[in-house]
C-alpha atoms as a PDB file:
ATOM      1  CA  MET A   1      32.546  -2.052  22.015  1.00  0.00           C
ATOM      2  CA  PRO A   2      30.199  -4.883  20.933  1.00  0.00           C
ATOM      3  CA  ARG A   3      28.431  -4.559  17.612  1.00  0.00           C
ATOM      4  CA  GLN A   4      24.800  -3.514  17.616  1.00  0.00           C
ATOM      5  CA  PRO A   5      22.549  -6.568  17.131  1.00  0.00           C
ATOM      6  CA  VAL A   6      20.540  -6.669  13.911  1.00  0.00           C
ATOM      7  CA  LEU A   7      16.802  -7.145  13.571  1.00  0.00           C
ATOM      8  CA  LEU A   8      15.844  -8.122  10.027  1.00  0.00           C
ATOM      9  CA  ALA A   9      12.252  -7.700   8.800  1.00  0.00           C
ATOM     10  CA  TYR A  10      11.416  -9.244   5.426  1.00  0.00           C
ATOM     11  CA  ARG A  11       8.696  -7.661   3.232  1.00  0.00           C
ATOM     12  CA  PRO A  12       9.591  -8.020  -0.496  1.00  0.00           C
ATOM     13  CA  TYR A  13       6.445  -6.452  -1.938  1.00  0.00           C
ATOM     14  CA  GLY A  14       4.898  -3.251  -3.316  1.00  0.00           C
ATOM     15  CA  LEU A  15       3.874   0.123  -1.923  1.00  0.00           C
ATOM     16  CA  GLY A  16       0.515  -0.824  -0.439  1.00  0.00           C
ATOM     17  CA  ASP A  17       2.015  -4.007   0.976  1.00  0.00           C
ATOM     18  CA  LEU A  18       4.612  -1.973   2.841  1.00  0.00           C
ATOM     19  CA  LEU A  19       2.076   0.511   4.207  1.00  0.00           C
ATOM     20  CA  VAL A  20      -0.077  -2.174   5.841  1.00  0.00           C
ATOM     21  CA  VAL A  21       2.874  -3.428   7.930  1.00  0.00           C
ATOM     22  CA  VAL A  22       3.777   0.031   9.290  1.00  0.00           C
ATOM     23  CA  PRO A  23       2.090  -0.719  12.659  1.00  0.00           C
ATOM     24  CA  ALA A  24       4.078  -3.953  12.910  1.00  0.00           C
ATOM     25  CA  LEU A  25       7.344  -2.175  12.080  1.00  0.00           C
ATOM     26  CA  ARG A  26       6.648   0.404  14.788  1.00  0.00           C
ATOM     27  CA  ALA A  27       5.933  -2.352  17.293  1.00  0.00           C
ATOM     28  CA  LEU A  28       9.286  -3.939  16.457  1.00  0.00           C
ATOM     29  CA  ALA A  29      11.029  -0.589  16.881  1.00  0.00           C
ATOM     30  CA  ASP A  30       9.488  -0.219  20.347  1.00  0.00           C
ATOM     31  CA  SER A  31      10.416  -3.736  21.468  1.00  0.00           C
ATOM     32  CA  PHE A  32      13.926  -3.769  20.007  1.00  0.00           C
ATOM     33  CA  PRO A  33      15.207  -0.209  20.537  1.00  0.00           C
ATOM     34  CA  ASP A  34      18.827  -1.339  20.871  1.00  0.00           C
ATOM     35  CA  HIS A  35      18.836  -3.279  17.600  1.00  0.00           C
ATOM     36  CA  HIS A  36      19.821  -2.008  14.172  1.00  0.00           C
ATOM     37  CA  ARG A  37      16.519  -2.508  12.353  1.00  0.00           C
ATOM     38  CA  VAL A  38      16.889  -3.589   8.732  1.00  0.00           C
ATOM     39  CA  LEU A  39      13.935  -3.837   6.375  1.00  0.00           C
ATOM     40  CA  VAL A  40      14.449  -6.080   3.349  1.00  0.00           C
ATOM     41  CA  THR A  41      12.230  -4.636   0.623  1.00  0.00           C
ATOM     42  CA  PRO A  42      12.695  -3.070  -2.835  1.00  0.00           C
ATOM     43  CA  ALA A  43      15.062  -0.103  -2.444  1.00  0.00           C
ATOM     44  CA  VAL A  44      12.585   2.217  -4.161  1.00  0.00           C
ATOM     45  CA  TRP A  45      10.613   2.244  -0.879  1.00  0.00           C
ATOM     46  CA  ALA A  46      13.569   3.297   1.280  1.00  0.00           C
ATOM     47  CA  PRO A  47      12.453   6.960   1.693  1.00  0.00           C
ATOM     48  CA  LEU A  48       9.011   5.766   2.798  1.00  0.00           C
ATOM     49  CA  ALA A  49      10.530   3.307   5.266  1.00  0.00           C
ATOM     50  CA  GLU A  50      12.533   6.161   6.769  1.00  0.00           C
ATOM     51  CA  LEU A  51       9.352   8.246   7.044  1.00  0.00           C
ATOM     52  CA  THR A  52       7.817   5.596   9.324  1.00  0.00           C
ATOM     53  CA  GLY A  53      10.494   6.289  11.952  1.00  0.00           C
ATOM     54  CA  ALA A  54      10.782   2.551  12.579  1.00  0.00           C
ATOM     55  CA  VAL A  55      13.521   1.489  10.146  1.00  0.00           C
ATOM     56  CA  ASP A  56      17.251   2.212  10.322  1.00  0.00           C
ATOM     57  CA  GLU A  57      18.255   0.739   6.961  1.00  0.00           C
ATOM     58  CA  VAL A  58      16.689  -0.733   3.834  1.00  0.00           C
ATOM     59  CA  VAL A  59      18.367  -3.638   2.082  1.00  0.00           C
ATOM     60  CA  ASP A  60      17.249  -4.030  -1.512  1.00  0.00           C
ATOM     61  CA  THR A  61      15.562  -7.163  -2.794  1.00  0.00           C
ATOM     62  CA  ARG A  62      13.580  -8.036  -5.870  1.00  0.00           C
ATOM     63  CA  ARG A  63       9.851  -7.549  -5.526  1.00  0.00           C
ATOM     64  CA  HIS A  64       8.218 -10.936  -5.033  1.00  0.00           C
ATOM     65  CA  THR A  65       5.356 -11.402  -7.486  1.00  0.00           C
ATOM     66  CA  ILE A  66       2.835 -13.995  -8.595  1.00  0.00           C
ATOM     67  CA  THR A  67       5.458 -15.229 -11.085  1.00  0.00           C
ATOM     68  CA  CYS A  68       7.170 -16.866  -8.111  1.00  0.00           C
ATOM     69  CA  THR A  69      10.287 -14.752  -7.913  1.00  0.00           C
ATOM     70  CA  PRO A  70      12.899 -16.983  -6.230  1.00  0.00           C
ATOM     71  CA  PHE A  71      13.582 -16.199  -2.600  1.00  0.00           C
ATOM     72  CA  THR A  72      17.206 -15.174  -2.151  1.00  0.00           C
ATOM     73  CA  ARG A  73      19.099 -14.656   1.091  1.00  0.00           C
ATOM     74  CA  PRO A  74      19.417 -10.944   1.985  1.00  0.00           C
ATOM     75  CA  PRO A  75      23.058  -9.763   1.918  1.00  0.00           C
ATOM     76  CA  ILE A  76      23.298  -9.493   5.699  1.00  0.00           C
ATOM     77  CA  GLU A  77      26.107 -11.312   7.508  1.00  0.00           C
ATOM     78  CA  GLU A  78      24.104 -12.175  10.578  1.00  0.00           C
ATOM     79  CA  ALA A  79      20.957 -11.204  12.456  1.00  0.00           C
ATOM     80  CA  ALA A  80      19.853 -11.707  16.035  1.00  0.00           C
ATOM     81  CA  VAL A  81      16.133 -11.484  15.215  1.00  0.00           C
ATOM     82  CA  VAL A  82      14.440 -12.308  11.901  1.00  0.00           C
ATOM     83  CA  VAL A  83      10.792 -11.366  11.293  1.00  0.00           C
ATOM     84  CA  ASN A  84       9.034 -12.861   8.298  1.00  0.00           C
ATOM     85  CA  LEU A  85       6.439 -10.354   7.086  1.00  0.00           C
ATOM     86  CA  GLN A  86       6.175 -12.011   3.680  1.00  0.00           C
ATOM     87  CA  GLY A  87       3.516 -14.612   4.343  1.00  0.00           C
ATOM     88  CA  ARG A  88       2.985 -18.029   5.889  1.00  0.00           C
ATOM     89  CA  GLY A  89       5.700 -19.891   3.982  1.00  0.00           C
ATOM     90  CA  PRO A  90       7.163 -22.313   3.302  1.00  0.00           C
ATOM     91  CA  GLY A  91       9.521 -20.771   0.726  1.00  0.00           C
ATOM     92  CA  SER A  92      10.412 -17.600   2.600  1.00  0.00           C
ATOM     93  CA  HIS A  93      10.536 -19.510   5.918  1.00  0.00           C
ATOM     94  CA  ARG A  94      13.097 -21.950   4.557  1.00  0.00           C
ATOM     95  CA  MET A  95      15.219 -19.209   2.999  1.00  0.00           C
ATOM     96  CA  LEU A  96      15.345 -17.187   6.221  1.00  0.00           C
ATOM     97  CA  LEU A  97      15.962 -20.247   8.409  1.00  0.00           C
ATOM     98  CA  SER A  98      18.833 -21.433   6.240  1.00  0.00           C
ATOM     99  CA  GLY A  99      20.299 -17.953   5.964  1.00  0.00           C
ATOM    100  CA  PHE A 100      20.088 -17.108   9.661  1.00  0.00           C
ATOM    101  CA  PRO A 101      20.024 -20.396  11.584  1.00  0.00           C
ATOM    102  CA  ALA A 102      21.144 -18.865  14.905  1.00  0.00           C
ATOM    103  CA  ALA A 103      18.577 -16.035  14.939  1.00  0.00           C
ATOM    104  CA  ARG A 104      15.319 -15.819  16.813  1.00  0.00           C
ATOM    105  CA  HIS A 105      12.664 -16.293  14.119  1.00  0.00           C
ATOM    106  CA  ILE A 106       9.250 -14.634  14.383  1.00  0.00           C
ATOM    107  CA  ALA A 107       6.748 -15.860  11.820  1.00  0.00           C
ATOM    108  CA  PHE A 108       3.426 -17.517  11.227  1.00  0.00           C
ATOM    109  CA  GLY A 109       3.596 -21.222  11.900  1.00  0.00           C
ATOM    110  CA  ASN A 110       4.178 -23.628   9.025  1.00  0.00           C
ATOM    111  CA  ALA A 111       4.606 -27.331   9.740  1.00  0.00           C
ATOM    112  CA  GLU A 112       5.951 -28.026   6.241  1.00  0.00           C
ATOM    113  CA  ALA A 113       8.837 -25.617   6.852  1.00  0.00           C
ATOM    114  CA  GLY A 114       9.289 -26.741  10.472  1.00  0.00           C
ATOM    115  CA  VAL A 115       8.311 -23.331  11.846  1.00  0.00           C
ATOM    116  CA  ALA A 116       6.256 -22.939  15.010  1.00  0.00           C
ATOM    117  CA  GLY A 117       4.254 -19.741  15.420  1.00  0.00           C
ATOM    118  CA  PRO A 118       0.814 -18.142  15.492  1.00  0.00           C
ATOM    119  CA  ALA A 119      -1.839 -19.571  13.181  1.00  0.00           C
ATOM    120  CA  TRP A 120      -2.673 -17.871   9.900  1.00  0.00           C
ATOM    121  CA  ARG A 121      -6.303 -16.673   9.719  1.00  0.00           C
ATOM    122  CA  PRO A 122      -7.756 -16.210   6.226  1.00  0.00           C
ATOM    123  CA  GLY A 123      -9.775 -13.018   5.808  1.00  0.00           C
ATOM    124  CA  GLU A 124      -8.017 -11.098   8.590  1.00  0.00           C
ATOM    125  CA  HIS A 125      -7.249  -7.438   7.915  1.00  0.00           C
ATOM    126  CA  GLU A 126      -3.630  -7.045   6.852  1.00  0.00           C
ATOM    127  CA  MET A 127      -2.752  -4.491   9.541  1.00  0.00           C
ATOM    128  CA  ALA A 128      -4.321  -6.597  12.281  1.00  0.00           C
ATOM    129  CA  LYS A 129      -2.797  -9.827  10.952  1.00  0.00           C
ATOM    130  CA  TRP A 130       0.834  -8.828  11.324  1.00  0.00           C
ATOM    131  CA  CYS A 131       0.235  -7.103  14.651  1.00  0.00           C
ATOM    132  CA  ARG A 132      -1.426 -10.267  15.960  1.00  0.00           C
ATOM    133  CA  MET A 133       1.525 -12.357  14.812  1.00  0.00           C
ATOM    134  CA  LEU A 134       3.801 -10.118  16.870  1.00  0.00           C
ATOM    135  CA  SER A 135       1.488  -9.926  19.889  1.00  0.00           C
ATOM    136  CA  GLU A 136       1.145 -13.699  20.037  1.00  0.00           C
ATOM    137  CA  SER A 137       4.946 -13.883  19.857  1.00  0.00           C
ATOM    138  CA  GLY A 138       5.289 -11.659  22.946  1.00  0.00           C
ATOM    139  CA  ILE A 139       5.713  -8.321  21.150  1.00  0.00           C
ATOM    140  CA  PRO A 140       2.894  -5.821  21.872  1.00  0.00           C
ATOM    141  CA  ALA A 141       1.544  -4.333  18.656  1.00  0.00           C
ATOM    142  CA  ASP A 142      -1.254  -1.869  17.904  1.00  0.00           C
ATOM    143  CA  PRO A 143      -2.763  -1.964  14.379  1.00  0.00           C
ATOM    144  CA  SER A 144      -4.070   1.597  14.756  1.00  0.00           C
ATOM    145  CA  ARG A 145      -0.537   3.011  14.420  1.00  0.00           C
ATOM    146  CA  PHE A 146      -0.660   3.229  10.624  1.00  0.00           C
ATOM    147  CA  ARG A 147      -0.626   7.003  10.103  1.00  0.00           C
ATOM    148  CA  LEU A 148       2.263   8.691   8.308  1.00  0.00           C
ATOM    149  CA  PRO A 149       3.314  12.334   8.560  1.00  0.00           C
ATOM    150  CA  ALA A 150       3.441  14.406   5.410  1.00  0.00           C
ATOM    151  CA  PRO A 151       7.028  14.435   4.127  1.00  0.00           C
ATOM    152  CA  ASP A 152       9.218  17.502   4.272  1.00  0.00           C
ATOM    153  CA  ARG A 153       8.860  17.996   0.551  1.00  0.00           C
ATOM    154  CA  ARG A 154       7.052  20.669  -1.404  1.00  0.00           C
ATOM    155  CA  PRO A 155       4.365  19.212  -3.668  1.00  0.00           C
ATOM    156  CA  PRO A 156       3.624  20.634  -7.126  1.00  0.00           C
ATOM    157  CA  GLU A 157       1.322  23.645  -6.845  1.00  0.00           C
ATOM    158  CA  LEU A 158      -1.044  21.825  -9.173  1.00  0.00           C
ATOM    159  CA  ALA A 159      -1.644  19.149  -6.525  1.00  0.00           C
ATOM    160  CA  VAL A 160      -2.531  21.472  -3.648  1.00  0.00           C
ATOM    161  CA  GLY A 161      -6.279  21.295  -3.076  1.00  0.00           C
ATOM    162  CA  ALA A 162      -6.825  19.117  -6.146  1.00  0.00           C
ATOM    163  CA  VAL A 163      -8.768  15.867  -6.461  1.00  0.00           C
ATOM    164  CA  LEU A 164      -6.228  13.183  -7.241  1.00  0.00           C
ATOM    165  CA  VAL A 165      -7.445  10.713  -9.857  1.00  0.00           C
ATOM    166  CA  ALA A 166      -5.215   7.624  -9.682  1.00  0.00           C
ATOM    167  CA  PRO A 167      -6.535   5.017 -12.141  1.00  0.00           C
ATOM    168  CA  GLY A 168      -3.453   2.776 -12.265  1.00  0.00           C
ATOM    169  CA  ALA A 169      -2.980  -0.612 -10.622  1.00  0.00           C
ATOM    170  CA  ALA A 170      -0.329  -3.303 -10.767  1.00  0.00           C
ATOM    171  CA  TYR A 171      -2.621  -5.916 -12.332  1.00  0.00           C
ATOM    172  CA  GLY A 172      -5.431  -5.757 -14.857  1.00  0.00           C
ATOM    173  CA  ALA A 173      -7.891  -7.228 -12.370  1.00  0.00           C
ATOM    174  CA  ARG A 174      -7.836  -3.919 -10.461  1.00  0.00           C
ATOM    175  CA  ARG A 175      -8.030  -1.582 -13.447  1.00  0.00           C
ATOM    176  CA  TRP A 176     -11.468  -0.002 -13.742  1.00  0.00           C
ATOM    177  CA  PRO A 177     -12.306   0.760 -17.406  1.00  0.00           C
ATOM    178  CA  LEU A 178     -10.659   3.871 -18.852  1.00  0.00           C
ATOM    179  CA  GLU A 179     -13.898   5.338 -20.207  1.00  0.00           C
ATOM    180  CA  ARG A 180     -15.329   5.421 -16.669  1.00  0.00           C
ATOM    181  CA  TRP A 181     -12.305   7.326 -15.394  1.00  0.00           C
ATOM    182  CA  VAL A 182     -12.951   9.797 -18.210  1.00  0.00           C
ATOM    183  CA  GLU A 183     -16.513  10.333 -16.963  1.00  0.00           C
ATOM    184  CA  VAL A 184     -15.344  10.826 -13.380  1.00  0.00           C
ATOM    185  CA  THR A 185     -12.688  13.320 -14.445  1.00  0.00           C
ATOM    186  CA  ARG A 186     -15.140  15.189 -16.660  1.00  0.00           C
ATOM    187  CA  TRP A 187     -17.646  15.394 -13.773  1.00  0.00           C
ATOM    188  CA  LEU A 188     -14.988  16.848 -11.479  1.00  0.00           C
ATOM    189  CA  ARG A 189     -14.102  19.529 -14.023  1.00  0.00           C
ATOM    190  CA  ARG A 190     -17.719  20.451 -14.720  1.00  0.00           C
ATOM    191  CA  ASN A 191     -18.549  20.730 -11.025  1.00  0.00           C
ATOM    192  CA  GLY A 192     -15.799  23.187 -10.203  1.00  0.00           C
ATOM    193  CA  HIS A 193     -13.227  20.734  -8.842  1.00  0.00           C
ATOM    194  CA  ARG A 194      -9.669  20.506 -10.068  1.00  0.00           C
ATOM    195  CA  PRO A 195      -8.741  16.972 -11.131  1.00  0.00           C
ATOM    196  CA  VAL A 196      -5.102  15.927 -11.295  1.00  0.00           C
ATOM    197  CA  ILE A 197      -4.279  12.555 -12.844  1.00  0.00           C
ATOM    198  CA  THR A 198      -1.339  10.530 -11.648  1.00  0.00           C
ATOM    199  CA  GLY A 199       0.332   7.247 -12.552  1.00  0.00           C
ATOM    200  CA  HIS A 200       3.671   5.512 -12.832  1.00  0.00           C
ATOM    201  CA  GLY A 201       5.355   3.936 -15.828  1.00  0.00           C
ATOM    202  CA  ALA A 202       4.870   4.430 -19.552  1.00  0.00           C
ATOM    203  CA  GLU A 203       1.531   2.604 -19.739  1.00  0.00           C
ATOM    204  CA  GLU A 204      -0.047   4.630 -16.927  1.00  0.00           C
ATOM    205  CA  VAL A 205       1.356   7.902 -18.314  1.00  0.00           C
ATOM    206  CA  ALA A 206      -0.280   7.167 -21.663  1.00  0.00           C
ATOM    207  CA  GLN A 207      -3.522   6.249 -19.893  1.00  0.00           C
ATOM    208  CA  ALA A 208      -3.502   9.467 -17.863  1.00  0.00           C
ATOM    209  CA  ARG A 209      -2.988  11.587 -20.962  1.00  0.00           C
ATOM    210  CA  GLU A 210      -5.807   9.829 -22.770  1.00  0.00           C
ATOM    211  CA  ILE A 211      -8.165  10.355 -19.818  1.00  0.00           C
ATOM    212  CA  ALA A 212      -7.256  14.044 -19.736  1.00  0.00           C
ATOM    213  CA  ARG A 213      -7.763  14.402 -23.488  1.00  0.00           C
ATOM    214  CA  GLN A 214     -11.176  12.745 -23.502  1.00  0.00           C
ATOM    215  CA  ALA A 215     -12.325  14.565 -20.351  1.00  0.00           C
ATOM    216  CA  GLY A 216     -11.343  17.958 -21.717  1.00  0.00           C
ATOM    217  CA  VAL A 217      -8.732  18.542 -19.038  1.00  0.00           C
ATOM    218  CA  ASP A 218      -5.584  20.492 -19.822  1.00  0.00           C
ATOM    219  CA  ASP A 219      -2.399  18.425 -20.200  1.00  0.00           C
ATOM    220  CA  GLY A 220      -0.991  20.386 -17.283  1.00  0.00           C
ATOM    221  CA  ALA A 221      -3.341  18.411 -15.031  1.00  0.00           C
ATOM    222  CA  VAL A 222      -1.429  15.204 -15.757  1.00  0.00           C
ATOM    223  CA  LEU A 223       1.124  14.446 -13.066  1.00  0.00           C
ATOM    224  CA  ALA A 224       1.643  10.872 -14.263  1.00  0.00           C
ATOM    225  CA  GLY A 225       5.336  10.326 -14.824  1.00  0.00           C
ATOM    226  CA  GLU A 226       6.207  13.620 -13.124  1.00  0.00           C
ATOM    227  CA  THR A 227       6.796  12.292  -9.607  1.00  0.00           C
ATOM    228  CA  GLY A 228      10.358  11.248  -8.870  1.00  0.00           C
ATOM    229  CA  ASP A 229      10.863   9.030  -5.831  1.00  0.00           C
ATOM    230  CA  VAL A 230       8.077   7.698  -3.655  1.00  0.00           C
ATOM    231  CA  LEU A 231       8.103  10.768  -1.371  1.00  0.00           C
ATOM    232  CA  ASP A 232       7.034  12.927  -4.313  1.00  0.00           C
ATOM    233  CA  LEU A 233       3.917  10.778  -4.594  1.00  0.00           C
ATOM    234  CA  VAL A 234       3.402  10.919  -0.819  1.00  0.00           C
ATOM    235  CA  ALA A 235       3.592  14.723  -0.944  1.00  0.00           C
ATOM    236  CA  VAL A 236       1.053  14.835  -3.780  1.00  0.00           C
ATOM    237  CA  VAL A 237      -1.433  12.630  -1.908  1.00  0.00           C
ATOM    238  CA  ALA A 238      -0.955  14.661   1.277  1.00  0.00           C
ATOM    239  CA  ALA A 239      -1.638  17.919  -0.605  1.00  0.00           C
ATOM    240  CA  ALA A 240      -4.800  16.700  -2.339  1.00  0.00           C
ATOM    241  CA  VAL A 241      -8.281  17.437  -1.032  1.00  0.00           C
ATOM    242  CA  ALA A 242      -9.394  13.920  -1.995  1.00  0.00           C
ATOM    243  CA  VAL A 243      -8.225  10.794  -3.823  1.00  0.00           C
ATOM    244  CA  VAL A 244     -10.214   8.451  -6.048  1.00  0.00           C
ATOM    245  CA  ALA A 245      -8.441   5.188  -6.832  1.00  0.00           C
ATOM    246  CA  PRO A 246      -8.705   1.413  -7.050  1.00  0.00           C
ATOM    247  CA  ASP A 247      -6.968  -0.862  -4.528  1.00  0.00           C
ATOM    248  CA  SER A 248      -3.472   0.494  -5.175  1.00  0.00           C
ATOM    249  CA  GLY A 249      -0.521   2.369  -3.697  1.00  0.00           C
ATOM    250  CA  PRO A 250      -2.192   5.821  -3.830  1.00  0.00           C
ATOM    251  CA  ALA A 251      -5.267   4.353  -2.102  1.00  0.00           C
ATOM    252  CA  HIS A 252      -3.145   3.047   0.771  1.00  0.00           C
ATOM    253  CA  LEU A 253      -1.297   6.361   0.954  1.00  0.00           C
ATOM    254  CA  ALA A 254      -4.612   8.201   1.307  1.00  0.00           C
ATOM    255  CA  THR A 255      -5.433   5.974   4.279  1.00  0.00           C
ATOM    256  CA  ALA A 256      -1.991   6.446   5.835  1.00  0.00           C
ATOM    257  CA  LEU A 257      -2.053  10.229   5.413  1.00  0.00           C
ATOM    258  CA  GLY A 258      -5.708  10.780   6.298  1.00  0.00           C
ATOM    259  CA  THR A 259      -6.565  12.250   2.895  1.00  0.00           C
ATOM    260  CA  PRO A 260     -10.288  11.691   2.175  1.00  0.00           C
ATOM    261  CA  SER A 261     -10.811   9.087  -0.508  1.00  0.00           C
ATOM    262  CA  VAL A 262     -13.211   7.096  -2.645  1.00  0.00           C
ATOM    263  CA  LEU A 263     -11.777   3.617  -3.181  1.00  0.00           C
ATOM    264  CA  LEU A 264     -12.919   1.043  -5.711  1.00  0.00           C
ATOM    265  CA  PHE A 265     -12.432  -2.538  -4.541  1.00  0.00           C
ATOM    266  CA  GLY A 266     -12.389  -5.802  -6.436  1.00  0.00           C
ATOM    267  CA  PRO A 267     -11.216  -8.511  -6.592  1.00  0.00           C
ATOM    268  CA  SER A 268      -9.721  -8.122  -3.084  1.00  0.00           C
ATOM    269  CA  ALA A 269     -12.050  -7.526  -0.157  1.00  0.00           C
ATOM    270  CA  PRO A 270     -11.813  -4.169   1.646  1.00  0.00           C
ATOM    271  CA  ALA A 271     -12.225  -6.018   4.958  1.00  0.00           C
ATOM    272  CA  VAL A 272      -8.718  -7.362   4.299  1.00  0.00           C
ATOM    273  CA  TRP A 273      -7.020  -4.577   2.328  1.00  0.00           C
ATOM    274  CA  GLY A 274      -9.160  -1.482   2.801  1.00  0.00           C
ATOM    275  CA  PRO A 275      -9.076   1.375   5.310  1.00  0.00           C
ATOM    276  CA  PRO A 276      -9.950   0.444   8.902  1.00  0.00           C
ATOM    277  CA  ALA A 277     -13.707   0.570   9.414  1.00  0.00           C
ATOM    278  CA  ARG A 278     -13.375   3.372  11.959  1.00  0.00           C
ATOM    279  CA  GLU A 279     -12.018   5.753   9.294  1.00  0.00           C
ATOM    280  CA  PRO A 280     -15.169   7.577   8.029  1.00  0.00           C
ATOM    281  CA  ARG A 281     -13.263   9.937   5.737  1.00  0.00           C
ATOM    282  CA  HIS A 282     -12.737   7.029   3.334  1.00  0.00           C
ATOM    283  CA  ARG A 283     -15.600   5.752   1.166  1.00  0.00           C
ATOM    284  CA  VAL A 284     -15.280   2.168  -0.070  1.00  0.00           C
ATOM    285  CA  LEU A 285     -17.177   0.735  -3.033  1.00  0.00           C
ATOM    286  CA  TRP A 286     -17.312  -3.051  -3.332  1.00  0.00           C
ATOM    287  CA  HIS A 287     -19.900  -5.438  -4.718  1.00  0.00           C
ATOM    288  CA  GLY A 288     -19.040  -8.304  -2.393  1.00  0.00           C
ATOM    289  CA  VAL A 289     -17.211 -10.376  -4.989  1.00  0.00           C
ATOM    290  CA  THR A 290     -13.659 -11.677  -4.601  1.00  0.00           C
ATOM    291  CA  GLY A 291     -11.529 -13.170  -7.336  1.00  0.00           C
ATOM    292  CA  ASP A 292      -8.042 -13.501  -8.785  1.00  0.00           C
ATOM    293  CA  ALA A 293      -6.139 -10.364  -7.777  1.00  0.00           C
ATOM    294  CA  PHE A 294      -3.408 -11.108 -10.328  1.00  0.00           C
ATOM    295  CA  ALA A 295      -5.582 -11.668 -13.402  1.00  0.00           C
ATOM    296  CA  ASP A 296      -4.983  -9.706 -16.590  1.00  0.00           C
ATOM    297  CA  GLU A 297      -8.633  -8.805 -17.181  1.00  0.00           C
ATOM    298  CA  VAL A 298     -10.732  -6.476 -15.034  1.00  0.00           C
ATOM    299  CA  ASP A 299     -12.388  -8.273 -12.140  1.00  0.00           C
ATOM    300  CA  PRO A 300     -16.160  -8.786 -12.684  1.00  0.00           C
ATOM    301  CA  GLY A 301     -16.899  -7.399  -9.216  1.00  0.00           C
ATOM    302  CA  LEU A 302     -14.884  -4.257  -9.873  1.00  0.00           C
ATOM    303  CA  ALA A 303     -16.593  -3.891 -13.259  1.00  0.00           C
ATOM    304  CA  ARG A 304     -19.971  -3.805 -11.480  1.00  0.00           C
ATOM    305  CA  ILE A 305     -19.082  -0.496  -9.815  1.00  0.00           C
ATOM    306  CA  THR A 306     -20.828   2.214 -11.818  1.00  0.00           C
ATOM    307  CA  VAL A 307     -19.792   5.764 -12.549  1.00  0.00           C
ATOM    308  CA  ASP A 308     -22.879   7.008 -10.713  1.00  0.00           C
ATOM    309  CA  GLU A 309     -21.843   5.146  -7.562  1.00  0.00           C
ATOM    310  CA  VAL A 310     -18.402   6.732  -7.666  1.00  0.00           C
ATOM    311  CA  LEU A 311     -19.808  10.216  -8.297  1.00  0.00           C
ATOM    312  CA  THR A 312     -22.274   9.880  -5.415  1.00  0.00           C
ATOM    313  CA  GLU A 313     -19.463   9.020  -3.005  1.00  0.00           C
ATOM    314  CA  LEU A 314     -17.165  11.685  -4.428  1.00  0.00           C
ATOM    315  CA  ASP A 315     -19.870  14.282  -4.003  1.00  0.00           C
ATOM    316  CA  GLY A 316     -20.228  13.262  -0.363  1.00  0.00           C
ATOM    317  CA  VAL A 317     -16.482  13.338   0.294  1.00  0.00           C
ATOM    318  CA  LEU A 318     -16.060  16.755  -1.336  1.00  0.00           C
ATOM    319  CA  ALA A 319     -19.053  18.138   0.538  1.00  0.00           C
ATOM    320  CA  GLY A 320     -17.628  16.842   3.802  1.00  0.00           C
ATOM    321  CA  SER A 321     -20.700  14.762   4.615  1.00  0.00           C
ATOM    322  CA  PRO A 322     -20.371  11.678   6.851  1.00  0.00           C
ATOM    323  CA  ALA A 323     -19.743   8.345   5.160  1.00  0.00           C
ATOM    324  CA  ARG A 324     -22.718   6.048   4.839  1.00  0.00           C
END
């Protein structure tokens, strides 16, 4: 019996980066049902990849960052189809071409790397971008297929019906000042809502505890550091009544799960990274300024978002009123 052909999709990034290519992964699953579909991404996202229903196997790779993590060939012997979901090249293009010279390569065009393909369009929404790349390569793709089901995992009772406050972000540019998160959390408590603060890693755990302390919230409301694998976080977001977060993994999970949210954008534009415009349950705050998404200091545009603006949108979300 012949071996099942392999389709390899390459996306060596973070949580939000994986969620925006879910429609593209589902399109690949539809068009290549007889292939063994391998997603090359950090192994920590494997349970989430399985939840999409579009991936058969995750092969671990280092997360590619602004520090120019070297591209290394995935440990796959051969692949019939290789899909570059990393970017427009040339580094990842060259690595995949040299590693799988006999495969059909689907990617954005890059003359420097000798790759023909659809043209890259700056400012295009991430979900639409990758679906267009596939569609223009002969693979029908629908960017509206981004929703995820809630996982078969029981969330902490504390999270059920709570407002999830998720202040963390991978880079300082997307970290709204701590004292403003304190004010938001204090407002939630005083207005009869139950805030729960989440985060990942020692720095975010310490931040969450400090927010809780200053806001007068019991330590039991801090879930930061308490979630195990990524599905624990997914279950928490699915159980919440609302999420308030910067442009981060929890923000993208709220979009994917349909949990109402208030999202603080800067330096990246929500037209590229935010919820689709037709999703009224999500409120987006942005002052129209873009900048360096990988900077250490808070983005000036993000810093312009006031506590009052966030509270106004939160009040609307929690009251169930239509988005403006």
